[in-house]
């Protein structure tokens, strides 16, 4: 998948474990999701 433009993300942490959640800027990801 080729990305152009900007990606909107939120950096998070829980119990010392870092994470990054993509909240915008990309099209739908093909395939099954975890939800």
PDB file of N, CA and C in Angstrom:
ATOM      1  N   UNK A   1       0.850  -1.160   0.000  1.00  0.00           N
ATOM      2  CA  UNK A   1       0.000   0.000   0.000  1.00  0.00           C
ATOM      3  C   UNK A   1       0.906   1.235   0.000  1.00  0.00           C
ATOM      4  N   UNK A   2       0.692   2.106  -0.949  1.00  0.00           N
ATOM      5  CA  UNK A   2       1.482   3.329  -1.023  1.00  0.00           C
ATOM      6  C   UNK A   2       0.690   4.458  -0.375  1.00  0.00           C
ATOM      7  N   UNK A   3       1.333   5.162   0.548  1.00  0.00           N
ATOM      8  CA  UNK A   3       0.676   6.251   1.263  1.00  0.00           C
ATOM      9  C   UNK A   3       1.164   7.594   0.742  1.00  0.00           C
ATOM     10  N   UNK A   4       0.251   8.520   0.620  1.00  0.00           N
ATOM     11  CA  UNK A   4       0.605   9.887   0.264  1.00  0.00           C
ATOM     12  C   UNK A   4      -0.111  10.822   1.219  1.00  0.00           C
ATOM     13  N   UNK A   5       0.461  11.958   1.465  1.00  0.00           N
ATOM     14  CA  UNK A   5      -0.175  12.912   2.368  1.00  0.00           C
ATOM     15  C   UNK A   5       0.208  12.659   3.813  1.00  0.00           C
ATOM     16  N   UNK A   6      -0.692  12.998   4.709  1.00  0.00           N
ATOM     17  CA  UNK A   6      -0.423  12.883   6.140  1.00  0.00           C
ATOM     18  C   UNK A   6      -1.263  11.789   6.776  1.00  0.00           C
ATOM     19  N   UNK A   7      -0.695  11.214   7.805  1.00  0.00           N
ATOM     20  CA  UNK A   7      -1.399  10.231   8.612  1.00  0.00           C
ATOM     21  C   UNK A   7      -1.651  10.869   9.972  1.00  0.00           C
ATOM     22  N   UNK A   8      -2.867  10.749  10.470  1.00  0.00           N
ATOM     23  CA  UNK A   8      -3.201  11.267  11.794  1.00  0.00           C
ATOM     24  C   UNK A   8      -3.114  10.119  12.790  1.00  0.00           C
ATOM     25  N   UNK A   9      -2.358  10.328  13.865  1.00  0.00           N
ATOM     26  CA  UNK A   9      -2.162   9.273  14.855  1.00  0.00           C
ATOM     27  C   UNK A   9      -2.201   9.856  16.259  1.00  0.00           C
ATOM     28  N   UNK A  10      -2.515   8.997  17.209  1.00  0.00           N
ATOM     29  CA  UNK A  10      -2.514   9.355  18.623  1.00  0.00           C
ATOM     30  C   UNK A  10      -1.556   8.404  19.323  1.00  0.00           C
ATOM     31  N   UNK A  11      -0.568   8.951  20.029  1.00  0.00           N
ATOM     32  CA  UNK A  11       0.337   8.127  20.825  1.00  0.00           C
ATOM     33  C   UNK A  11      -0.304   7.870  22.184  1.00  0.00           C
ATOM     34  N   UNK A  12      -0.235   6.628  22.632  1.00  0.00           N
ATOM     35  CA  UNK A  12      -0.869   6.229  23.889  1.00  0.00           C
ATOM     36  C   UNK A  12       0.110   5.409  24.720  1.00  0.00           C
ATOM     37  N   UNK A  13      -0.251   5.185  25.971  1.00  0.00           N
ATOM     38  CA  UNK A  13       0.495   4.238  26.795  1.00  0.00           C
ATOM     39  C   UNK A  13      -0.435   3.673  27.852  1.00  0.00           C
ATOM     40  N   UNK A  14      -0.187   2.436  28.226  1.00  0.00           N
ATOM     41  CA  UNK A  14      -0.942   1.768  29.280  1.00  0.00           C
ATOM     42  C   UNK A  14       0.013   0.845  30.024  1.00  0.00           C
ATOM     43  N   UNK A  15       0.135   1.045  31.302  1.00  0.00           N
ATOM     44  CA  UNK A  15       1.034   0.234  32.146  1.00  0.00           C
ATOM     45  C   UNK A  15       2.460   0.245  31.616  1.00  0.00           C
ATOM     46  N   UNK A  16       2.898   1.372  31.098  1.00  0.00           N
ATOM     47  CA  UNK A  16       4.264   1.498  30.611  1.00  0.00           C
ATOM     48  C   UNK A  16       4.489   1.015  29.191  1.00  0.00           C
ATOM     49  N   UNK A  17       3.479   0.463  28.541  1.00  0.00           N
ATOM     50  CA  UNK A  17       3.605  -0.029  27.168  1.00  0.00           C
ATOM     51  C   UNK A  17       3.129   1.039  26.189  1.00  0.00           C
ATOM     52  N   UNK A  18       4.010   1.506  25.308  1.00  0.00           N
ATOM     53  CA  UNK A  18       3.603   2.536  24.339  1.00  0.00           C
ATOM     54  C   UNK A  18       2.801   1.941  23.182  1.00  0.00           C
ATOM     55  N   UNK A  19       1.996   2.782  22.572  1.00  0.00           N
ATOM     56  CA  UNK A  19       1.229   2.362  21.403  1.00  0.00           C
ATOM     57  C   UNK A  19       0.917   3.560  20.529  1.00  0.00           C
ATOM     58  N   UNK A  20       0.587   3.308  19.284  1.00  0.00           N
ATOM     59  CA  UNK A  20       0.211   4.375  18.352  1.00  0.00           C
ATOM     60  C   UNK A  20      -1.045   3.932  17.620  1.00  0.00           C
ATOM     61  N   UNK A  21      -2.090   4.764  17.686  1.00  0.00           N
ATOM     62  CA  UNK A  21      -3.372   4.457  17.069  1.00  0.00           C
ATOM     63  C   UNK A  21      -3.557   5.373  15.872  1.00  0.00           C
ATOM     64  N   UNK A  22      -3.719   4.797  14.688  1.00  0.00           N
ATOM     65  CA  UNK A  22      -3.974   5.571  13.477  1.00  0.00           C
ATOM     66  C   UNK A  22      -5.451   5.946  13.467  1.00  0.00           C
ATOM     67  N   UNK A  23      -5.748   7.252  13.421  1.00  0.00           N
ATOM     68  CA  UNK A  23      -7.136   7.714  13.487  1.00  0.00           C
ATOM     69  C   UNK A  23      -7.605   8.367  12.199  1.00  0.00           C
ATOM     70  N   UNK A  24      -6.719   8.567  11.233  1.00  0.00           N
ATOM     71  CA  UNK A  24      -7.142   9.170   9.976  1.00  0.00           C
ATOM     72  C   UNK A  24      -5.995   9.262   8.996  1.00  0.00           C
ATOM     73  N   UNK A  25      -6.349   9.559   7.748  1.00  0.00           N
ATOM     74  CA  UNK A  25      -5.337   9.759   6.729  1.00  0.00           C
ATOM     75  C   UNK A  25      -5.045   8.553   5.862  1.00  0.00           C
ATOM     76  N   UNK A  26      -5.683   7.429   6.130  1.00  0.00           N
ATOM     77  CA  UNK A  26      -5.496   6.237   5.300  1.00  0.00           C
ATOM     78  C   UNK A  26      -6.864   5.720   4.876  1.00  0.00           C
ATOM     79  N   UNK A  27      -6.897   5.036   3.756  1.00  0.00           N
ATOM     80  CA  UNK A  27      -8.155   4.445   3.299  1.00  0.00           C
ATOM     81  C   UNK A  27      -8.425   3.175   4.098  1.00  0.00           C
ATOM     82  N   UNK A  28      -9.551   2.548   3.843  1.00  0.00           N
ATOM     83  CA  UNK A  28      -9.890   1.310   4.542  1.00  0.00           C
ATOM     84  C   UNK A  28      -8.837   0.245   4.276  1.00  0.00           C
ATOM     85  N   UNK A  29      -8.468  -0.468   5.314  1.00  0.00           N
ATOM     86  CA  UNK A  29      -7.498  -1.547   5.186  1.00  0.00           C
ATOM     87  C   UNK A  29      -8.247  -2.788   4.708  1.00  0.00           C
ATOM     88  N   UNK A  30      -7.787  -3.431   3.626  1.00  0.00           N
ATOM     89  CA  UNK A  30      -8.490  -4.606   3.113  1.00  0.00           C
ATOM     90  C   UNK A  30      -8.330  -5.806   4.048  1.00  0.00           C
ATOM     91  N   UNK A  31      -9.295  -6.684   4.015  1.00  0.00           N
ATOM     92  CA  UNK A  31      -9.217  -7.902   4.810  1.00  0.00           C
ATOM     93  C   UNK A  31     -10.011  -7.806   6.098  1.00  0.00           C
ATOM     94  N   UNK A  32      -9.873  -8.831   6.915  1.00  0.00           N
ATOM     95  CA  UNK A  32     -10.592  -8.892   8.184  1.00  0.00           C
ATOM     96  C   UNK A  32      -9.928  -7.979   9.207  1.00  0.00           C
ATOM     97  N   UNK A  33     -10.713  -7.521  10.153  1.00  0.00           N
ATOM     98  CA  UNK A  33     -10.187  -6.706  11.242  1.00  0.00           C
ATOM     99  C   UNK A  33     -10.320  -7.483  12.539  1.00  0.00           C
ATOM    100  N   UNK A  34      -9.778  -6.942  13.587  1.00  0.00           N
ATOM    101  CA  UNK A  34      -9.885  -7.618  14.870  1.00  0.00           C
ATOM    102  C   UNK A  34     -11.242  -7.396  15.523  1.00  0.00           C
ATOM    103  N   UNK A  35     -12.087  -6.557  14.940  1.00  0.00           N
ATOM    104  CA  UNK A  35     -13.396  -6.292  15.540  1.00  0.00           C
ATOM    105  C   UNK A  35     -14.438  -7.090  14.832  1.00  0.00           C
TER     106      UNK A  35
END
